[in-house]
Amino acid sequence: MCGNHFSIALRNVNSDRKAEISHCLEMLDMKGFINYFGLQRFGTVPSVKTSDIGLALIKSEWLTAIELILKPRPNEDQTLARAR
């Protein structure tokens, strides 16, 4: 396996939601997840703060998150701009 590996601890879990939790953990195991909350994820440019992207994701503001991720960056390499 490549990439980072983390341990996740669940605390104070309501036992009547075991099936839902089990399903979520299976999906996590199968598909993993993308961590949008660290500075290294999108770089550190003043025009797009990674904390703003993370906040939009937490609030389920999907369109805002997508717009922030795809927002052009000043002085960006043309190849990166086209890819974005």
Foldseek 3Di string as FASTA:
>chain_A
DDDDDDDDDDPPDDVVCVVVVVVVVVCCVVPNDDDQQDCVPQHDDPVADSNQLVVCVVVVVVVSNVCSSLPDGPPDDPVVNVVD
